Structure formats: C-alpha cells, structure tokens
C-alpha cells in the first residue's frame, strides 16, 4: 500500500505529460480551448485520485487487527477481507500505472491467502 501510495502521487503528473505530448502532435490549425482543457485535466486528476481508497484500506486493516485479537474472528474478518478486496479493485481500476496494477495483484493474492486461513479458523 505504501508503494502504491507513492506511485499514485506521480500518476497525475505523468498523465499531464502524456496529454501535453498528444496536444503537441495535433495539427496547429486545431483550436483548443485552454479553459476546457484545464477542466478536463482537473476532472481526470480527480478520477485518478485513490487517496480515499487508500485511507479506507488502512482503516479496514486497523479494524482487522482489532478483530484478530477477539475470540470470534470468522464472519467479521471475512467481511473485512471482502471490503479490502473492493478497495484494491477500485484502486486497480482507477490507475493506469503498471506498477500500481502489479501491486494490487500482489495484495489480492495475499488477501486470498488470508481468506483461506480464515476459513480454517471457522
């Protein structure tokens, strides 16, 4: 999650650079409204923002730590694993960064291992 968080801070800048390259490639007779372009960049940057998902993921992990200290772990922990998976899926779908995608695959793999262990507890 920490590495995904670091990478996500770079992604808007990378998008801006790619967009600028594409705009340069457009013919000079194309008229681009600078205000409209700025609005599009802001909207896309908001789409790329995964800070809420990262915050929820960390909150779910803290809650999982609390649950694992209790006697009855089963269903609550399974539910949290589902929530963690949802957050990771959202992070993955929002990102176009290859390393973030790889990180989410690793997290999903680890969550699956945890889910299997939880089934052994029940």
C-alpha atoms as a PDB file:
ATOM      1  CA  UNK A   1       0.000   0.000   0.000  1.00  0.00           C
ATOM      2  CA  UNK A   2       2.852   2.385   0.795  1.00  0.00           C
ATOM      3  CA  UNK A   3       4.445   1.877  -2.619  1.00  0.00           C
ATOM      4  CA  UNK A   4       1.066   2.259  -4.344  1.00  0.00           C
ATOM      5  CA  UNK A   5       0.519   5.481  -2.441  1.00  0.00           C
ATOM      6  CA  UNK A   6       3.890   6.857  -3.587  1.00  0.00           C
ATOM      7  CA  UNK A   7       3.236   5.853  -7.188  1.00  0.00           C
ATOM      8  CA  UNK A   8      -0.245   7.391  -7.151  1.00  0.00           C
ATOM      9  CA  UNK A   9       1.245  10.789  -6.357  1.00  0.00           C
ATOM     10  CA  UNK A  10       3.246  10.648  -9.594  1.00  0.00           C
ATOM     11  CA  UNK A  11       0.406   9.494 -11.831  1.00  0.00           C
ATOM     12  CA  UNK A  12      -1.318  12.883 -12.384  1.00  0.00           C
ATOM     13  CA  UNK A  13       1.986  14.405 -13.491  1.00  0.00           C
ATOM     14  CA  UNK A  14       2.559  11.522 -15.911  1.00  0.00           C
ATOM     15  CA  UNK A  15      -0.934  11.984 -17.310  1.00  0.00           C
ATOM     16  CA  UNK A  16      -0.296  15.695 -17.833  1.00  0.00           C
ATOM     17  CA  UNK A  17       2.954  14.932 -19.672  1.00  0.00           C
ATOM     18  CA  UNK A  18       1.241  12.389 -21.942  1.00  0.00           C
ATOM     19  CA  UNK A  19      -1.571  14.814 -22.624  1.00  0.00           C
ATOM     20  CA  UNK A  20       0.856  17.602 -23.497  1.00  0.00           C
ATOM     21  CA  UNK A  21       2.643  15.263 -25.914  1.00  0.00           C
ATOM     22  CA  UNK A  22      -0.626  14.380 -27.601  1.00  0.00           C
ATOM     23  CA  UNK A  23      -1.613  18.022 -27.872  1.00  0.00           C
ATOM     24  CA  UNK A  24       1.728  18.843 -29.462  1.00  0.00           C
ATOM     25  CA  UNK A  25       1.062  16.119 -32.022  1.00  0.00           C
ATOM     26  CA  UNK A  26      -2.216  17.751 -33.030  1.00  0.00           C
ATOM     27  CA  UNK A  27      -2.110  19.926 -36.065  1.00  0.00           C
ATOM     28  CA  UNK A  28      -1.600  23.614 -35.430  1.00  0.00           C
ATOM     29  CA  UNK A  29      -4.916  24.517 -37.062  1.00  0.00           C
ATOM     30  CA  UNK A  30      -6.839  22.685 -34.323  1.00  0.00           C
ATOM     31  CA  UNK A  31      -8.390  25.096 -31.894  1.00  0.00           C
ATOM     32  CA  UNK A  32      -8.154  24.032 -28.291  1.00  0.00           C
ATOM     33  CA  UNK A  33      -9.956  25.952 -25.612  1.00  0.00           C
ATOM     34  CA  UNK A  34      -7.404  26.322 -22.771  1.00  0.00           C
ATOM     35  CA  UNK A  35     -10.117  26.635 -20.119  1.00  0.00           C
ATOM     36  CA  UNK A  36     -11.825  23.481 -21.331  1.00  0.00           C
ATOM     37  CA  UNK A  37      -8.504  21.667 -21.384  1.00  0.00           C
ATOM     38  CA  UNK A  38      -7.794  22.712 -17.812  1.00  0.00           C
ATOM     39  CA  UNK A  39     -11.234  21.471 -16.731  1.00  0.00           C
ATOM     40  CA  UNK A  40     -10.608  18.111 -18.395  1.00  0.00           C
ATOM     41  CA  UNK A  41      -7.245  17.753 -16.663  1.00  0.00           C
ATOM     42  CA  UNK A  42      -8.796  18.521 -13.274  1.00  0.00           C
ATOM     43  CA  UNK A  43     -11.639  16.041 -13.839  1.00  0.00           C
ATOM     44  CA  UNK A  44      -9.236  13.326 -14.922  1.00  0.00           C
ATOM     45  CA  UNK A  45      -6.937  14.005 -11.972  1.00  0.00           C
ATOM     46  CA  UNK A  46      -9.922  13.530  -9.667  1.00  0.00           C
ATOM     47  CA  UNK A  47     -10.676  10.199 -11.358  1.00  0.00           C
ATOM     48  CA  UNK A  48      -7.088   9.100 -10.751  1.00  0.00           C
ATOM     49  CA  UNK A  49      -7.201  10.062  -7.077  1.00  0.00           C
ATOM     50  CA  UNK A  50      -7.110   6.927  -4.952  1.00  0.00           C
ATOM     51  CA  UNK A  51      -6.492   8.629  -1.616  1.00  0.00           C
ATOM     52  CA  UNK A  52      -9.961   7.721  -0.284  1.00  0.00           C
ATOM     53  CA  UNK A  53      -9.487   4.068  -1.197  1.00  0.00           C
ATOM     54  CA  UNK A  54      -6.062   4.018   0.450  1.00  0.00           C
ATOM     55  CA  UNK A  55      -7.481   5.599   3.603  1.00  0.00           C
ATOM     56  CA  UNK A  56     -10.339   3.081   3.749  1.00  0.00           C
ATOM     57  CA  UNK A  57      -7.916   0.215   3.115  1.00  0.00           C
ATOM     58  CA  UNK A  58      -5.744   1.322   6.050  1.00  0.00           C
ATOM     59  CA  UNK A  59      -8.832   1.753   8.246  1.00  0.00           C
ATOM     60  CA  UNK A  60     -10.004  -1.767   7.368  1.00  0.00           C
ATOM     61  CA  UNK A  61      -6.547  -3.122   8.244  1.00  0.00           C
ATOM     62  CA  UNK A  62      -6.683  -1.463  11.669  1.00  0.00           C
ATOM     63  CA  UNK A  63     -10.130  -2.918  12.204  1.00  0.00           C
ATOM     64  CA  UNK A  64      -8.814  -6.340  11.152  1.00  0.00           C
ATOM     65  CA  UNK A  65      -6.067  -6.081  13.787  1.00  0.00           C
ATOM     66  CA  UNK A  66      -8.750  -5.428  16.407  1.00  0.00           C
ATOM     67  CA  UNK A  67     -10.882  -8.351  15.237  1.00  0.00           C
ATOM     68  CA  UNK A  68      -7.942 -10.755  15.265  1.00  0.00           C
ATOM     69  CA  UNK A  69      -7.465 -10.146  18.994  1.00  0.00           C
ATOM     70  CA  UNK A  70     -11.021 -11.317  19.712  1.00  0.00           C
ATOM     71  CA  UNK A  71     -12.221 -14.858  20.279  1.00  0.00           C
ATOM     72  CA  UNK A  72     -14.720 -14.955  17.423  1.00  0.00           C
ATOM     73  CA  UNK A  73     -12.935 -13.933  14.265  1.00  0.00           C
ATOM     74  CA  UNK A  74     -14.729 -15.700  11.406  1.00  0.00           C
ATOM     75  CA  UNK A  75     -17.513 -13.732   9.755  1.00  0.00           C
ATOM     76  CA  UNK A  76     -16.314 -10.246  10.700  1.00  0.00           C
ATOM     77  CA  UNK A  77     -12.857 -10.926   9.335  1.00  0.00           C
ATOM     78  CA  UNK A  78     -14.268 -12.456   6.154  1.00  0.00           C
ATOM     79  CA  UNK A  79     -16.412  -9.380   5.642  1.00  0.00           C
ATOM     80  CA  UNK A  80     -13.361  -7.144   6.075  1.00  0.00           C
ATOM     81  CA  UNK A  81     -11.420  -9.214   3.550  1.00  0.00           C
ATOM     82  CA  UNK A  82     -14.249  -8.539   1.078  1.00  0.00           C
ATOM     83  CA  UNK A  83     -14.040  -4.828   1.837  1.00  0.00           C
ATOM     84  CA  UNK A  84     -10.267  -4.839   1.416  1.00  0.00           C
ATOM     85  CA  UNK A  85     -10.709  -6.584  -1.934  1.00  0.00           C
ATOM     86  CA  UNK A  86     -13.222  -3.950  -3.030  1.00  0.00           C
ATOM     87  CA  UNK A  87     -10.814  -1.147  -2.205  1.00  0.00           C
ATOM     88  CA  UNK A  88      -7.972  -2.872  -4.056  1.00  0.00           C
ATOM     89  CA  UNK A  89     -10.210  -3.471  -7.087  1.00  0.00           C
ATOM     90  CA  UNK A  90     -11.173   0.197  -7.141  1.00  0.00           C
ATOM     91  CA  UNK A  91      -7.525   1.244  -6.877  1.00  0.00           C
ATOM     92  CA  UNK A  92      -6.679  -1.079  -9.738  1.00  0.00           C
ATOM     93  CA  UNK A  93      -9.485   0.173 -11.963  1.00  0.00           C
ATOM     94  CA  UNK A  94      -8.667   3.837 -11.337  1.00  0.00           C
ATOM     95  CA  UNK A  95      -4.990   3.504 -12.096  1.00  0.00           C
ATOM     96  CA  UNK A  96      -3.274   3.267 -15.442  1.00  0.00           C
ATOM     97  CA  UNK A  97       0.149   2.849 -13.847  1.00  0.00           C
ATOM     98  CA  UNK A  98       1.618  -0.627 -14.458  1.00  0.00           C
ATOM     99  CA  UNK A  99       3.420  -0.804 -11.118  1.00  0.00           C
ATOM    100  CA  UNK A 100       0.234   0.062  -9.237  1.00  0.00           C
ATOM    101  CA  UNK A 101      -1.561  -2.706 -11.130  1.00  0.00           C
ATOM    102  CA  UNK A 102       1.196  -5.159 -10.184  1.00  0.00           C
ATOM    103  CA  UNK A 103       0.938  -4.049  -6.562  1.00  0.00           C
ATOM    104  CA  UNK A 104      -2.799  -4.608  -6.494  1.00  0.00           C
ATOM    105  CA  UNK A 105      -2.342  -8.119  -7.897  1.00  0.00           C
ATOM    106  CA  UNK A 106       0.105  -8.887  -5.089  1.00  0.00           C
ATOM    107  CA  UNK A 107      -2.296  -7.524  -2.494  1.00  0.00           C
ATOM    108  CA  UNK A 108      -5.167  -9.559  -3.929  1.00  0.00           C
ATOM    109  CA  UNK A 109      -3.022 -12.669  -3.760  1.00  0.00           C
ATOM    110  CA  UNK A 110      -2.189 -12.038  -0.106  1.00  0.00           C
ATOM    111  CA  UNK A 111      -5.828 -11.294   0.724  1.00  0.00           C
ATOM    112  CA  UNK A 112      -6.824 -14.601  -0.857  1.00  0.00           C
ATOM    113  CA  UNK A 113      -4.302 -16.425   1.342  1.00  0.00           C
ATOM    114  CA  UNK A 114      -5.728 -14.688   4.401  1.00  0.00           C
ATOM    115  CA  UNK A 115      -9.272 -15.569   3.342  1.00  0.00           C
ATOM    116  CA  UNK A 116      -8.281 -19.237   3.061  1.00  0.00           C
ATOM    117  CA  UNK A 117      -6.735 -19.138   6.532  1.00  0.00           C
ATOM    118  CA  UNK A 118      -9.899 -17.569   7.940  1.00  0.00           C
ATOM    119  CA  UNK A 119     -11.935 -20.448   6.558  1.00  0.00           C
ATOM    120  CA  UNK A 120      -9.678 -22.808   8.517  1.00  0.00           C
ATOM    121  CA  UNK A 121     -10.445 -20.897  11.709  1.00  0.00           C
ATOM    122  CA  UNK A 122     -14.197 -21.303  11.308  1.00  0.00           C
END
